[in-house]
Amino acid sequence: FKYGLADEVHEAKATDTAQGNALGKLAGAVDKLIVLTGTLTGGMASDVFSILYRIDAQRMVAHGYEYGESGIRAFAETYGVLETITTIKPEDNACSKASITRQVKQRPGASPLLFGQFLMDIAAFVSLEDIAANLPPYAEEVVTLPMDPLLAKAYADLETRISEALKEHRGNPSVISTALNALLLYPDRPFGIGALYGSAYDPETRRRESFLIAEPEDLDEGVLYAKERKLIEIARDQARTGRRLQIYATYTNKRDVLRRLESILTQAGIRTAVLTVQVPPEQREAWYERQLAAGVQAFICHPRLVQTGLDLLACPEIVWYQTGYSTFTLRQASRRSWRIGQKQPVNVRFLCYGNTAQVGCLRLMGKKL
């Protein structure tokens, strides 16, 4: 059977979900099994744990790995790259020992033994170049832009307040998650975000209580900011040469960046269409065909909507306005246009603001890849 959605394989790696059980039963009920995926790993050794268990559970058991969290930890210790962080906090009482905590984190990378012991005799690694002659050139570029002065000042103020909250509530996951998302989103949408809150357990009330992390400054919604101006410039250049543009953004719900981009591109004279989750997967190819027939020049969507199953040959220009942290999604969505049958050179650009969390996000993605 073909398993095209690599993300779903890895989402089930830590818990034995109903989907995982079904895959295991299906794999165990047949004599021959072919697993096809364009993204075997997201950069971590443990990413292949569940796939290996589905394909050859006996081998995994023979090596001493049981299915579940303990097996994944042991597998990562043997074949992955681990980092141990030791924190020593001195005690106020001189007679007491210092408090020592250790945290082990998995980092990008894998041992060559993983290939030799588990993959060499069951896997074939084939690239597009191996099966398709005369593919056009493919290029990736990171475009780093300086923020406008007002935006830079507002971002710096927000970053300072968030840093203070992180220090005050060290290790609080609600603060970390809220802070990370705010620092990634705010440069692209510096208005309408509202106050940012975290939560922590209060021993007096015996429940989690919310507290204010920061309140981002609302800037003028009517201003075109640097990344938006660059996107318009790219879209106009491609429109002049007849090359259609695919744009990816990841903040699509309450603080919808897609509609903002659609509005500014339309005002700039670019015929634009937004693909949403309301279009079922089986109808998305037909949706693109209808938009192309209507003369659309730029398409905008969340990358997960097109990362598998679609060939976007009509859009040789791809712009990542926002990326998120999934290497599976990035790899799959970036290649939607560079497929068999593509005749034009494919360019993929990543837009980000310098000296922001967006740069850190791209650096981390690069390390994983």
Protein backbone atom coordinates (compact mmCIF):
# COMPACT_ATOMS: atom_id res chain seq x y z
CA PHE A 1 0.00 0.00 0.00
CA LYS A 2 1.07 3.58 -0.47
CA TYR A 3 1.40 5.77 2.62
CA GLY A 4 1.81 9.27 1.23
CA LEU A 5 1.14 11.37 4.34
CA ALA A 6 4.45 11.11 6.14
CA ASP A 7 3.27 13.44 8.90
CA GLU A 8 0.56 11.01 9.97
CA VAL A 9 3.11 8.23 10.42
CA HIS A 10 5.12 10.33 12.83
CA GLU A 11 2.12 11.74 14.68
CA ALA A 12 1.38 8.17 15.80
CA LYS A 13 4.94 7.35 16.87
CA ALA A 14 4.49 7.99 20.60
CA THR A 15 1.02 6.56 21.14
CA ASP A 16 -0.57 3.39 19.87
CA THR A 17 -3.51 5.07 18.20
CA ALA A 18 -6.37 3.39 16.38
CA GLN A 19 -4.79 4.40 13.08
CA GLY A 20 -1.47 2.91 14.16
CA ASN A 21 -3.18 -0.36 15.13
CA ALA A 22 -4.89 -0.51 11.74
CA LEU A 23 -1.59 0.00 9.91
CA GLY A 24 0.12 -2.66 12.00
CA LYS A 25 -2.65 -5.18 11.31
CA LEU A 26 -2.63 -4.37 7.61
CA ALA A 27 1.14 -4.75 7.39
CA GLY A 28 0.99 -8.03 9.30
CA ALA A 29 -1.75 -9.49 7.09
CA VAL A 30 0.10 -9.35 3.77
CA ASP A 31 3.12 -11.18 2.34
CA LYS A 32 4.61 -8.21 0.51
CA LEU A 33 4.70 -4.63 1.73
CA ILE A 34 5.79 -1.50 -0.11
CA VAL A 35 5.88 1.78 1.80
CA LEU A 36 6.27 4.91 -0.31
CA THR A 37 7.11 8.24 1.28
CA GLY A 38 8.88 11.36 0.13
CA THR A 39 9.92 12.28 3.66
CA LEU A 40 11.19 9.35 5.71
CA THR A 41 12.51 11.48 8.56
CA GLY A 42 12.19 15.00 9.88
CA GLY A 43 15.83 15.09 10.96
CA MET A 44 15.57 13.05 14.17
CA ALA A 45 16.59 9.39 14.47
CA SER A 46 13.39 8.52 16.34
CA ASP A 47 11.27 9.68 13.38
CA VAL A 48 11.71 6.27 11.71
CA PHE A 49 10.86 4.27 14.86
CA SER A 50 7.16 3.75 14.12
CA ILE A 51 7.67 3.03 10.42
CA LEU A 52 10.27 0.38 11.26
CA TYR A 53 7.89 -1.14 13.80
CA ARG A 54 5.14 -1.36 11.17
CA ILE A 55 7.45 -2.86 8.54
CA ASP A 56 9.51 -5.27 10.63
CA ALA A 57 8.37 -5.50 14.24
CA GLN A 58 10.29 -8.74 14.80
CA ARG A 59 13.60 -7.05 14.07
CA MET A 60 12.81 -4.19 16.43
CA VAL A 61 11.88 -6.62 19.19
CA ALA A 62 15.03 -8.64 18.55
CA HIS A 63 17.07 -5.48 19.09
CA GLY A 64 15.30 -4.95 22.41
CA TYR A 65 12.97 -2.07 21.52
CA GLU A 66 9.41 -2.28 22.81
CA TYR A 67 6.73 -0.18 21.18
CA GLY A 68 5.97 3.03 23.06
CA GLU A 69 7.75 5.85 24.82
CA SER A 70 10.41 3.70 26.49
CA GLY A 71 11.31 2.08 23.17
CA ILE A 72 11.56 5.45 21.43
CA ARG A 73 13.85 6.78 24.19
CA ALA A 74 16.12 3.75 23.97
CA PHE A 75 16.17 3.94 20.17
CA ALA A 76 17.07 7.64 20.26
CA GLU A 77 19.85 6.99 22.80
CA THR A 78 21.42 4.39 20.49
CA TYR A 79 20.96 5.97 17.07
CA GLY A 80 20.21 9.65 17.71
CA VAL A 81 21.94 12.76 18.96
CA LEU A 82 21.09 13.66 22.55
CA GLU A 83 21.90 16.78 24.54
CA THR A 84 21.92 16.76 28.34
CA ILE A 85 21.26 20.10 30.03
CA THR A 86 22.28 20.26 33.70
CA THR A 87 20.95 23.13 35.80
CA ILE A 88 22.46 23.77 39.24
CA LYS A 89 20.58 26.17 41.52
CA PRO A 90 22.43 27.18 44.70
CA GLU A 91 20.38 26.97 47.87
CA ASP A 92 19.92 29.92 50.23
CA ASN A 93 20.73 27.69 53.18
CA ALA A 94 24.49 27.07 53.23
CA CYS A 95 23.90 23.72 54.91
CA SER A 96 21.73 22.44 52.09
CA LYS A 97 22.89 20.89 48.86
CA ALA A 98 22.38 22.71 45.59
CA SER A 99 19.35 21.71 43.52
CA ILE A 100 20.44 19.84 40.39
CA THR A 101 18.10 19.10 37.49
CA ARG A 102 18.98 17.33 34.24
CA GLN A 103 17.03 17.51 31.03
CA VAL A 104 17.76 15.33 28.00
CA LYS A 105 16.71 16.63 24.58
CA GLN A 106 16.94 14.98 21.19
CA ARG A 107 18.77 16.99 18.55
CA PRO A 108 18.84 16.70 14.74
CA GLY A 109 21.08 13.92 13.46
CA ALA A 110 21.34 10.14 13.30
CA SER A 111 24.05 7.50 13.55
CA PRO A 112 25.14 5.72 10.32
CA LEU A 113 24.43 2.48 12.21
CA LEU A 114 20.71 3.24 11.81
CA PHE A 115 21.07 2.84 8.05
CA GLY A 116 23.30 -0.22 8.28
CA GLN A 117 21.22 -2.16 10.79
CA PHE A 118 17.67 -1.24 9.79
CA LEU A 119 17.40 0.36 6.34
CA MET A 120 20.11 -0.93 4.00
CA ASP A 121 18.44 -4.25 3.17
CA ILE A 122 14.85 -3.00 2.97
CA ALA A 123 15.02 0.53 1.53
CA ALA A 124 15.72 2.15 -1.82
CA PHE A 125 16.43 5.87 -1.79
CA VAL A 126 15.41 7.35 -5.12
CA SER A 127 15.43 11.04 -6.01
CA LEU A 128 13.57 12.82 -8.78
CA GLU A 129 16.83 13.17 -10.71
CA ASP A 130 17.10 9.36 -10.82
CA ILE A 131 13.73 8.81 -12.48
CA ALA A 132 13.15 11.94 -14.57
CA ALA A 133 15.55 13.24 -17.20
CA ASN A 134 15.98 16.93 -17.89
CA LEU A 135 14.26 18.31 -14.81
CA PRO A 136 14.46 22.12 -14.77
CA PRO A 137 16.70 23.94 -12.26
CA TYR A 138 15.50 24.18 -8.66
CA ALA A 139 16.68 26.99 -6.37
CA GLU A 140 15.96 28.01 -2.77
CA GLU A 141 16.68 31.43 -1.30
CA VAL A 142 16.23 33.02 2.11
CA VAL A 143 15.26 36.70 1.80
CA THR A 144 15.96 38.54 5.06
CA LEU A 145 14.40 41.99 5.36
CA PRO A 146 14.86 44.76 7.94
CA MET A 147 11.72 45.79 9.81
CA ASP A 148 10.32 49.29 9.41
CA PRO A 149 11.43 51.52 12.34
CA LEU A 150 8.02 51.62 14.08
CA LEU A 151 7.61 47.87 13.75
CA ALA A 152 11.17 47.23 14.94
CA LYS A 153 10.60 49.31 18.07
CA ALA A 154 7.26 47.65 18.84
CA TYR A 155 8.77 44.20 18.32
CA ALA A 156 11.73 45.00 20.59
CA ASP A 157 9.33 46.18 23.32
CA LEU A 158 7.28 42.99 22.99
CA GLU A 159 10.42 40.84 23.05
CA THR A 160 11.61 42.56 26.23
CA ARG A 161 8.30 42.01 28.04
CA ILE A 162 8.18 38.39 26.91
CA SER A 163 11.75 37.81 28.07
CA GLU A 164 10.85 39.15 31.50
CA ALA A 165 7.82 36.85 31.67
CA LEU A 166 9.94 33.85 30.66
CA LYS A 167 12.44 34.60 33.43
CA GLU A 168 9.70 35.11 36.01
CA HIS A 169 7.83 31.94 35.01
CA ARG A 170 10.79 29.79 34.01
CA GLY A 171 9.78 26.50 32.41
CA ASN A 172 6.06 27.37 32.25
CA PRO A 173 4.85 25.75 28.98
CA SER A 174 1.92 28.15 28.56
CA VAL A 175 4.31 31.12 28.58
CA ILE A 176 6.76 29.44 26.22
CA SER A 177 4.08 28.48 23.68
CA THR A 178 2.34 31.86 23.78
CA ALA A 179 5.62 33.75 23.58
CA LEU A 180 6.95 31.75 20.64
CA ASN A 181 3.79 32.14 18.59
CA ALA A 182 3.56 35.85 19.38
CA LEU A 183 7.17 36.54 18.34
CA LEU A 184 6.68 34.63 15.08
CA LEU A 185 3.34 36.23 14.22
CA TYR A 186 3.67 39.83 15.41
CA PRO A 187 6.04 41.10 12.67
CA ASP A 188 3.57 39.84 10.03
CA ARG A 189 0.45 41.10 11.78
CA PRO A 190 1.32 43.87 14.27
CA PHE A 191 -2.29 44.68 15.10
CA GLY A 192 -5.36 43.01 16.58
CA ILE A 193 -3.42 40.37 18.52
CA GLY A 194 -4.62 41.53 21.92
CA ALA A 195 -3.22 40.81 25.36
CA LEU A 196 -1.15 37.65 25.80
CA TYR A 197 -1.89 35.51 28.83
CA GLY A 198 -0.24 32.53 30.50
CA SER A 199 -1.45 30.36 33.35
CA ALA A 200 0.11 28.84 36.45
CA TYR A 201 -1.06 26.76 39.40
CA ASP A 202 -1.96 28.83 42.45
CA PRO A 203 -1.57 26.81 45.69
CA GLU A 204 -3.98 29.15 47.51
CA THR A 205 -6.90 28.71 45.10
CA ARG A 206 -5.74 25.19 44.09
CA ARG A 207 -6.34 25.85 40.43
CA ARG A 208 -4.60 27.39 37.45
CA GLU A 209 -4.83 31.17 37.34
CA SER A 210 -4.16 33.32 34.30
CA PHE A 211 -1.71 36.21 34.29
CA LEU A 212 -0.69 38.85 31.77
CA ILE A 213 2.48 38.14 29.78
CA ALA A 214 2.48 41.19 27.52
CA GLU A 215 0.20 43.44 25.53
CA PRO A 216 1.58 43.99 22.01
CA GLU A 217 1.28 47.48 20.58
CA ASP A 218 -1.34 47.86 17.85
CA LEU A 219 0.24 49.41 14.76
CA ASP A 220 -1.56 50.92 11.77
CA GLU A 221 -3.41 48.19 9.83
CA GLY A 222 -3.48 50.39 6.74
CA VAL A 223 0.32 50.46 6.35
CA LEU A 224 2.17 48.09 4.05
CA TYR A 225 5.13 46.63 5.93
CA ALA A 226 8.46 45.47 4.49
CA LYS A 227 7.58 41.80 3.91
CA GLU A 228 4.27 42.77 2.37
CA ARG A 229 5.98 45.24 0.02
CA LYS A 230 8.50 42.55 -0.97
CA LEU A 231 5.71 40.06 -1.63
CA ILE A 232 3.92 42.56 -3.87
CA GLU A 233 7.19 43.20 -5.73
CA ILE A 234 7.69 39.46 -6.31
CA ALA A 235 4.08 38.96 -7.40
CA ARG A 236 4.23 41.84 -9.89
CA ASP A 237 7.53 40.62 -11.33
CA GLN A 238 6.10 37.14 -11.86
CA ALA A 239 2.85 38.48 -13.29
CA ARG A 240 4.81 40.45 -15.90
CA THR A 241 6.57 37.28 -17.05
CA GLY A 242 3.44 35.12 -16.87
CA ARG A 243 4.71 32.93 -14.01
CA ARG A 244 2.13 32.09 -11.37
CA LEU A 245 2.90 32.28 -7.67
CA GLN A 246 2.15 29.93 -4.77
CA ILE A 247 2.31 31.57 -1.32
CA TYR A 248 2.37 29.67 1.98
CA ALA A 249 1.42 31.07 5.38
CA THR A 250 0.79 29.14 8.60
CA TYR A 251 -1.32 31.49 10.75
CA THR A 252 -4.77 30.94 9.31
CA ASN A 253 -7.32 30.82 12.12
CA LYS A 254 -8.18 33.61 14.58
CA ARG A 255 -5.31 35.83 13.38
CA ASP A 256 -5.68 35.05 9.71
CA VAL A 257 -2.68 36.19 7.70
CA LEU A 258 -4.01 34.64 4.48
CA ARG A 259 -6.86 37.13 4.12
CA ARG A 260 -4.50 40.01 4.84
CA LEU A 261 -2.21 38.86 2.02
CA GLU A 262 -5.16 38.33 -0.31
CA SER A 263 -6.35 41.89 0.35
CA ILE A 264 -3.02 43.62 -0.26
CA LEU A 265 -2.24 41.59 -3.39
CA THR A 266 -5.69 42.26 -4.84
CA GLN A 267 -5.28 45.98 -4.17
CA ALA A 268 -1.91 45.79 -5.94
CA GLY A 269 -3.63 44.46 -9.07
CA ILE A 270 -2.76 40.77 -8.65
CA ARG A 271 -5.59 38.32 -9.23
CA THR A 272 -5.48 36.19 -6.08
CA ALA A 273 -7.28 33.13 -4.69
CA VAL A 274 -7.15 31.55 -1.21
CA LEU A 275 -7.42 27.78 -0.72
CA THR A 276 -9.03 26.86 2.61
CA VAL A 277 -9.89 23.67 4.48
CA GLN A 278 -13.47 24.07 3.27
CA VAL A 279 -12.29 22.61 -0.05
CA PRO A 280 -12.09 18.81 0.49
CA PRO A 281 -8.77 17.14 -0.44
CA GLU A 282 -10.27 15.25 -3.36
CA GLN A 283 -11.56 18.52 -4.86
CA ARG A 284 -8.41 20.65 -4.53
CA GLU A 285 -6.91 19.74 -7.89
CA ALA A 286 -10.16 20.74 -9.61
CA TRP A 287 -10.21 23.93 -7.51
CA TYR A 288 -6.80 24.91 -8.86
CA GLU A 289 -7.92 24.17 -12.41
CA ARG A 290 -10.94 26.44 -12.02
CA GLN A 291 -8.85 29.27 -10.60
CA LEU A 292 -6.31 28.93 -13.43
CA ALA A 293 -9.10 29.09 -15.98
CA ALA A 294 -10.32 32.27 -14.27
CA GLY A 295 -6.90 33.89 -14.70
CA VAL A 296 -5.67 33.76 -11.09
CA GLN A 297 -2.01 34.82 -10.81
CA ALA A 298 -1.27 34.08 -7.13
CA PHE A 299 -2.51 31.32 -4.84
CA ILE A 300 -2.38 31.47 -1.04
CA CYS A 301 -2.88 28.62 1.43
CA HIS A 302 -1.56 26.79 4.46
CA PRO A 303 1.18 24.43 3.19
CA ARG A 304 -0.44 21.39 4.80
CA LEU A 305 -3.36 21.67 2.36
CA VAL A 306 -1.16 20.89 -0.63
CA GLN A 307 1.87 19.12 0.84
CA THR A 308 0.88 15.72 -0.59
CA GLY A 309 -1.04 14.53 -3.61
CA LEU A 310 -0.99 17.72 -5.67
CA ASP A 311 1.25 18.73 -8.55
CA LEU A 312 1.38 22.53 -8.79
CA LEU A 313 3.13 22.64 -12.16
CA ALA A 314 1.40 25.93 -12.98
CA CYS A 315 3.14 27.69 -10.05
CA PRO A 316 6.93 27.55 -10.55
CA GLU A 317 7.39 30.40 -8.04
CA ILE A 318 6.87 29.50 -4.36
CA VAL A 319 7.09 31.98 -1.50
CA TRP A 320 7.10 30.89 2.13
CA TYR A 321 5.69 33.91 3.91
CA GLN A 322 5.65 31.82 7.11
CA THR A 323 7.00 28.31 7.63
CA GLY A 324 6.16 26.83 11.02
CA TYR A 325 8.39 24.09 12.46
CA SER A 326 7.47 20.92 10.53
CA THR A 327 10.26 19.72 8.26
CA PHE A 328 7.86 17.18 6.76
CA THR A 329 5.54 19.94 5.63
CA LEU A 330 8.38 22.14 4.40
CA ARG A 331 10.00 19.42 2.32
CA GLN A 332 6.76 18.22 0.76
CA ALA A 333 5.22 21.62 0.05
CA SER A 334 8.43 23.09 -1.37
CA ARG A 335 8.50 20.39 -4.07
CA ARG A 336 4.91 20.75 -5.23
CA SER A 337 6.04 22.54 -8.40
CA TRP A 338 9.28 20.65 -9.03
CA ARG A 339 7.64 17.51 -10.36
CA ILE A 340 7.88 15.30 -13.40
CA GLY A 341 6.43 17.34 -16.26
CA GLN A 342 7.66 20.72 -15.02
CA LYS A 343 9.31 22.69 -17.85
CA GLN A 344 10.10 25.97 -16.09
CA PRO A 345 12.81 26.71 -13.52
CA VAL A 346 11.43 26.47 -9.97
CA ASN A 347 12.31 29.13 -7.39
CA VAL A 348 11.46 28.81 -3.69
CA ARG A 349 11.90 31.86 -1.45
CA PHE A 350 11.65 32.15 2.32
CA LEU A 351 10.77 35.64 3.56
CA CYS A 352 11.73 36.63 7.09
CA TYR A 353 12.54 39.69 9.19
CA GLY A 354 16.10 40.00 10.44
CA ASN A 355 16.80 39.87 14.19
CA THR A 356 13.47 38.18 14.95
CA ALA A 357 12.24 34.73 15.97
CA GLN A 358 11.51 34.11 12.27
CA VAL A 359 15.25 33.86 11.58
CA GLY A 360 15.67 31.46 14.50
CA CYS A 361 12.84 29.34 13.13
CA LEU A 362 14.49 29.07 9.71
CA ARG A 363 17.87 28.25 11.26
CA LEU A 364 16.34 25.43 13.29
CA MET A 365 14.58 24.08 10.20
CA GLY A 366 17.88 24.18 8.31
CA LYS A 367 19.62 22.18 11.04
CA LYS A 368 16.88 19.57 10.99
CA LEU A 369 17.03 19.27 7.21
